[in-house]
Amino acid sequence: MRQSICDKCQLIRARTTWSHLIMDNHWNQISCDSNIIQYMFPVQLGYNRSKIMKRKYTRWTGQERSMLLAQIEQQMNNNCTQLCWITIAKAIQTKSPRQCYDQYLLVKKRQQNGIECPSVHEEPAPQRKKENDAIELLSRLLNSMNFV
């Protein structure tokens, strides 16, 4: 596998690994399903999505995990009452990148089909409000890491 240095983060890694995608590219959407944070997925503009689908990305690298969990821990220290961050950290530790990407596709498809969208005149349910709060928090995390 060819090694290269990324201009943005000055880290050496193989160009075809998930870590290269996650470190160098944009995170494109934040979604929740059944009150579980579904982790965000980097998809390079113009990158062939079939490569992601064909390969089995079974593990986060130690560097990815430590970087993300450090950011989450910092956010939890700033906002100790926000349990959403615990859920996010758990998703990172228990789900593989491939599982996350598959779940992302499922949630995105549901959203595009109009499932889980409340009526314009309805008040949001408490669970929906919690999910929206979690989405906002995770969005702030990714912004602070310059992924968006």
C-alpha atoms as a PDB file:
ATOM      1  CA  MET A   1       0.000   0.000   0.000  1.00  0.00           C
ATOM      2  CA  ARG A   2       1.416   3.394  -0.977  1.00  0.00           C
ATOM      3  CA  GLN A   3       2.179   5.750   1.913  1.00  0.00           C
ATOM      4  CA  SER A   4       1.798   9.513   1.717  1.00  0.00           C
ATOM      5  CA  ILE A   5       1.750  12.582   3.922  1.00  0.00           C
ATOM      6  CA  CYS A   6      -1.508  14.463   4.188  1.00  0.00           C
ATOM      7  CA  ASP A   7      -1.154  18.248   3.874  1.00  0.00           C
ATOM      8  CA  LYS A   8      -3.923  18.972   6.376  1.00  0.00           C
ATOM      9  CA  CYS A   9      -2.793  16.834   9.294  1.00  0.00           C
ATOM     10  CA  GLN A  10       0.836  15.968   8.398  1.00  0.00           C
ATOM     11  CA  LEU A  11       0.272  12.327   9.268  1.00  0.00           C
ATOM     12  CA  ILE A  12       1.613   9.402   7.289  1.00  0.00           C
ATOM     13  CA  ARG A  13      -0.925   6.774   6.269  1.00  0.00           C
ATOM     14  CA  ALA A  14      -1.998   4.633   3.354  1.00  0.00           C
ATOM     15  CA  ARG A  15      -4.217   6.469   0.895  1.00  0.00           C
ATOM     16  CA  THR A  16      -6.758   3.680   0.601  1.00  0.00           C
ATOM     17  CA  THR A  17      -7.493   3.253   4.310  1.00  0.00           C
ATOM     18  CA  TRP A  18     -10.581   4.436   6.148  1.00  0.00           C
ATOM     19  CA  SER A  19      -8.316   6.574   8.350  1.00  0.00           C
ATOM     20  CA  HIS A  20      -7.265   8.595   5.320  1.00  0.00           C
ATOM     21  CA  LEU A  21     -10.900   9.215   4.436  1.00  0.00           C
ATOM     22  CA  ILE A  22     -11.868  10.093   7.987  1.00  0.00           C
ATOM     23  CA  MET A  23      -8.918  12.414   8.584  1.00  0.00           C
ATOM     24  CA  ASP A  24      -8.875  14.264   5.270  1.00  0.00           C
ATOM     25  CA  ASN A  25     -12.434  14.597   4.072  1.00  0.00           C
ATOM     26  CA  HIS A  26     -15.729  16.136   5.020  1.00  0.00           C
ATOM     27  CA  TRP A  27     -18.284  14.604   7.340  1.00  0.00           C
ATOM     28  CA  ASN A  28     -21.476  14.862   5.380  1.00  0.00           C
ATOM     29  CA  GLN A  29     -24.453  14.327   7.702  1.00  0.00           C
ATOM     30  CA  ILE A  30     -25.549  13.658  11.255  1.00  0.00           C
ATOM     31  CA  SER A  31     -28.440  11.270  11.855  1.00  0.00           C
ATOM     32  CA  CYS A  32     -30.161   9.601  14.774  1.00  0.00           C
ATOM     33  CA  ASP A  33     -32.234   6.451  14.801  1.00  0.00           C
ATOM     34  CA  SER A  34     -34.115   5.085  17.835  1.00  0.00           C
ATOM     35  CA  ASN A  35     -32.298   7.540  20.108  1.00  0.00           C
ATOM     36  CA  ILE A  36     -28.873   6.112  19.191  1.00  0.00           C
ATOM     37  CA  ILE A  37     -26.321   8.418  17.649  1.00  0.00           C
ATOM     38  CA  GLN A  38     -25.316   7.142  14.259  1.00  0.00           C
ATOM     39  CA  TYR A  39     -21.751   8.143  13.665  1.00  0.00           C
ATOM     40  CA  MET A  40     -20.883  10.556  10.888  1.00  0.00           C
ATOM     41  CA  PHE A  41     -19.265   9.382   7.710  1.00  0.00           C
ATOM     42  CA  PRO A  42     -16.628  11.079   5.628  1.00  0.00           C
ATOM     43  CA  VAL A  43     -17.314  10.872   1.914  1.00  0.00           C
ATOM     44  CA  GLN A  44     -14.821  12.640  -0.287  1.00  0.00           C
ATOM     45  CA  LEU A  45     -16.405  14.714  -3.008  1.00  0.00           C
ATOM     46  CA  GLY A  46     -16.002  12.715  -6.181  1.00  0.00           C
ATOM     47  CA  TYR A  47     -14.741   9.661  -4.310  1.00  0.00           C
ATOM     48  CA  ASN A  48     -16.098   6.359  -5.600  1.00  0.00           C
ATOM     49  CA  ARG A  49     -18.546   5.180  -2.906  1.00  0.00           C
ATOM     50  CA  SER A  50     -18.351   1.626  -4.210  1.00  0.00           C
ATOM     51  CA  LYS A  51     -14.807   1.427  -2.829  1.00  0.00           C
ATOM     52  CA  ILE A  52     -16.194   2.024   0.649  1.00  0.00           C
ATOM     53  CA  MET A  53     -18.894  -0.571   0.112  1.00  0.00           C
ATOM     54  CA  LYS A  54     -16.557  -3.234  -1.301  1.00  0.00           C
ATOM     55  CA  ARG A  55     -13.908  -3.010   1.402  1.00  0.00           C
ATOM     56  CA  LYS A  56     -14.483  -4.240   4.908  1.00  0.00           C
ATOM     57  CA  TYR A  57     -13.507  -1.438   7.263  1.00  0.00           C
ATOM     58  CA  THR A  58     -13.668  -3.485  10.424  1.00  0.00           C
ATOM     59  CA  ARG A  59     -11.754  -1.340  12.889  1.00  0.00           C
ATOM     60  CA  TRP A  60     -11.069   2.262  13.767  1.00  0.00           C
ATOM     61  CA  THR A  61      -7.353   2.964  14.058  1.00  0.00           C
ATOM     62  CA  GLY A  62      -6.070   3.766  17.537  1.00  0.00           C
ATOM     63  CA  GLN A  63      -5.284   7.286  16.368  1.00  0.00           C
ATOM     64  CA  GLU A  64      -8.825   7.927  15.123  1.00  0.00           C
ATOM     65  CA  ARG A  65     -10.382   6.552  18.277  1.00  0.00           C
ATOM     66  CA  SER A  66      -8.122   8.458  20.674  1.00  0.00           C
ATOM     67  CA  MET A  67      -8.549  11.729  18.772  1.00  0.00           C
ATOM     68  CA  LEU A  68     -12.343  11.471  18.675  1.00  0.00           C
ATOM     69  CA  LEU A  69     -12.714  10.299  22.273  1.00  0.00           C
ATOM     70  CA  ALA A  70     -10.409  13.086  23.496  1.00  0.00           C
ATOM     71  CA  GLN A  71     -12.650  15.650  21.803  1.00  0.00           C
ATOM     72  CA  ILE A  72     -15.748  14.033  23.289  1.00  0.00           C
ATOM     73  CA  GLU A  73     -14.203  13.968  26.768  1.00  0.00           C
ATOM     74  CA  GLN A  74     -13.389  17.657  26.453  1.00  0.00           C
ATOM     75  CA  GLN A  75     -16.984  18.402  25.444  1.00  0.00           C
ATOM     76  CA  MET A  76     -18.327  16.333  28.331  1.00  0.00           C
ATOM     77  CA  ASN A  77     -16.144  18.301  30.756  1.00  0.00           C
ATOM     78  CA  ASN A  78     -17.611  21.518  29.366  1.00  0.00           C
ATOM     79  CA  ASN A  79     -21.180  20.131  29.371  1.00  0.00           C
ATOM     80  CA  CYS A  80     -21.258  17.478  32.073  1.00  0.00           C
ATOM     81  CA  THR A  81     -25.072  17.214  32.024  1.00  0.00           C
ATOM     82  CA  GLN A  82     -25.248  16.229  28.362  1.00  0.00           C
ATOM     83  CA  LEU A  83     -25.607  12.433  28.313  1.00  0.00           C
ATOM     84  CA  CYS A  84     -25.651  12.491  24.510  1.00  0.00           C
ATOM     85  CA  TRP A  85     -21.864  12.639  24.525  1.00  0.00           C
ATOM     86  CA  ILE A  86     -21.721   9.317  26.381  1.00  0.00           C
ATOM     87  CA  THR A  87     -23.885   7.771  23.667  1.00  0.00           C
ATOM     88  CA  ILE A  88     -21.619   9.163  20.960  1.00  0.00           C
ATOM     89  CA  ALA A  89     -18.520   7.793  22.678  1.00  0.00           C
ATOM     90  CA  LYS A  90     -20.190   4.393  23.022  1.00  0.00           C
ATOM     91  CA  ALA A  91     -20.999   4.330  19.300  1.00  0.00           C
ATOM     92  CA  ILE A  92     -17.369   5.014  18.426  1.00  0.00           C
ATOM     93  CA  GLN A  93     -16.166   2.241  20.716  1.00  0.00           C
ATOM     94  CA  THR A  94     -18.734  -0.406  19.752  1.00  0.00           C
ATOM     95  CA  LYS A  95     -19.414   0.122  16.044  1.00  0.00           C
ATOM     96  CA  SER A  96     -17.004  -0.500  13.196  1.00  0.00           C
ATOM     97  CA  PRO A  97     -16.701   2.114  10.437  1.00  0.00           C
ATOM     98  CA  ARG A  98     -18.530  -0.244   8.062  1.00  0.00           C
ATOM     99  CA  GLN A  99     -21.421  -0.754  10.527  1.00  0.00           C
ATOM    100  CA  CYS A 100     -21.657   2.994  10.946  1.00  0.00           C
ATOM    101  CA  TYR A 101     -21.654   3.603   7.218  1.00  0.00           C
ATOM    102  CA  ASP A 102     -24.331   0.959   6.645  1.00  0.00           C
ATOM    103  CA  GLN A 103     -26.479   2.514   9.378  1.00  0.00           C
ATOM    104  CA  TYR A 104     -25.918   5.950   7.896  1.00  0.00           C
ATOM    105  CA  LEU A 105     -27.201   4.760   4.509  1.00  0.00           C
ATOM    106  CA  LEU A 106     -30.272   3.229   6.162  1.00  0.00           C
ATOM    107  CA  VAL A 107     -31.103   6.392   8.116  1.00  0.00           C
ATOM    108  CA  LYS A 108     -30.471   8.624   5.105  1.00  0.00           C
ATOM    109  CA  LYS A 109     -32.829   6.482   3.012  1.00  0.00           C
ATOM    110  CA  ARG A 110     -35.536   6.728   5.686  1.00  0.00           C
ATOM    111  CA  GLN A 111     -35.150  10.498   5.858  1.00  0.00           C
ATOM    112  CA  GLN A 112     -35.361  10.836   2.074  1.00  0.00           C
ATOM    113  CA  ASN A 113     -38.527   8.723   2.022  1.00  0.00           C
ATOM    114  CA  GLY A 114     -40.119  11.000   4.621  1.00  0.00           C
ATOM    115  CA  ILE A 115     -40.176   8.442   7.430  1.00  0.00           C
ATOM    116  CA  GLU A 116     -39.615   9.875  10.938  1.00  0.00           C
ATOM    117  CA  CYS A 117     -40.471  13.388   9.793  1.00  0.00           C
ATOM    118  CA  PRO A 118     -42.979  15.044  12.132  1.00  0.00           C
ATOM    119  CA  SER A 119     -45.889  17.002  10.731  1.00  0.00           C
ATOM    120  CA  VAL A 120     -45.391  20.740  10.393  1.00  0.00           C
ATOM    121  CA  HIS A 121     -48.162  21.440  12.912  1.00  0.00           C
ATOM    122  CA  GLU A 122     -47.077  18.873  15.501  1.00  0.00           C
ATOM    123  CA  GLU A 123     -44.954  19.688  18.497  1.00  0.00           C
ATOM    124  CA  PRO A 124     -41.762  17.589  18.528  1.00  0.00           C
ATOM    125  CA  ALA A 125     -41.935  14.548  20.784  1.00  0.00           C
ATOM    126  CA  PRO A 126     -39.511  14.410  23.740  1.00  0.00           C
ATOM    127  CA  GLN A 127     -37.461  11.693  22.033  1.00  0.00           C
ATOM    128  CA  ARG A 128     -37.243  13.794  18.869  1.00  0.00           C
ATOM    129  CA  LYS A 129     -36.065  16.770  20.935  1.00  0.00           C
ATOM    130  CA  LYS A 130     -33.340  14.638  22.548  1.00  0.00           C
ATOM    131  CA  GLU A 131     -32.241  13.455  19.113  1.00  0.00           C
ATOM    132  CA  ASN A 132     -32.137  17.018  17.807  1.00  0.00           C
ATOM    133  CA  ASP A 133     -30.068  18.088  20.826  1.00  0.00           C
ATOM    134  CA  ALA A 134     -27.676  15.203  20.195  1.00  0.00           C
ATOM    135  CA  ILE A 135     -27.387  16.167  16.529  1.00  0.00           C
ATOM    136  CA  GLU A 136     -26.580  19.747  17.479  1.00  0.00           C
ATOM    137  CA  LEU A 137     -23.935  18.642  19.987  1.00  0.00           C
ATOM    138  CA  LEU A 138     -22.261  16.295  17.534  1.00  0.00           C
ATOM    139  CA  SER A 139     -22.337  18.991  14.886  1.00  0.00           C
ATOM    140  CA  ARG A 140     -20.448  21.299  17.259  1.00  0.00           C
ATOM    141  CA  LEU A 141     -17.906  18.543  17.931  1.00  0.00           C
ATOM    142  CA  LEU A 142     -17.218  18.037  14.240  1.00  0.00           C
ATOM    143  CA  ASN A 143     -17.004  21.776  13.628  1.00  0.00           C
ATOM    144  CA  SER A 144     -14.453  22.107  16.432  1.00  0.00           C
ATOM    145  CA  MET A 145     -12.381  19.383  14.759  1.00  0.00           C
ATOM    146  CA  ASN A 146     -12.547  21.214  11.389  1.00  0.00           C
ATOM    147  CA  PHE A 147     -14.198  18.295   9.591  1.00  0.00           C
ATOM    148  CA  VAL A 148     -17.059  20.382   8.229  1.00  0.00           C
END
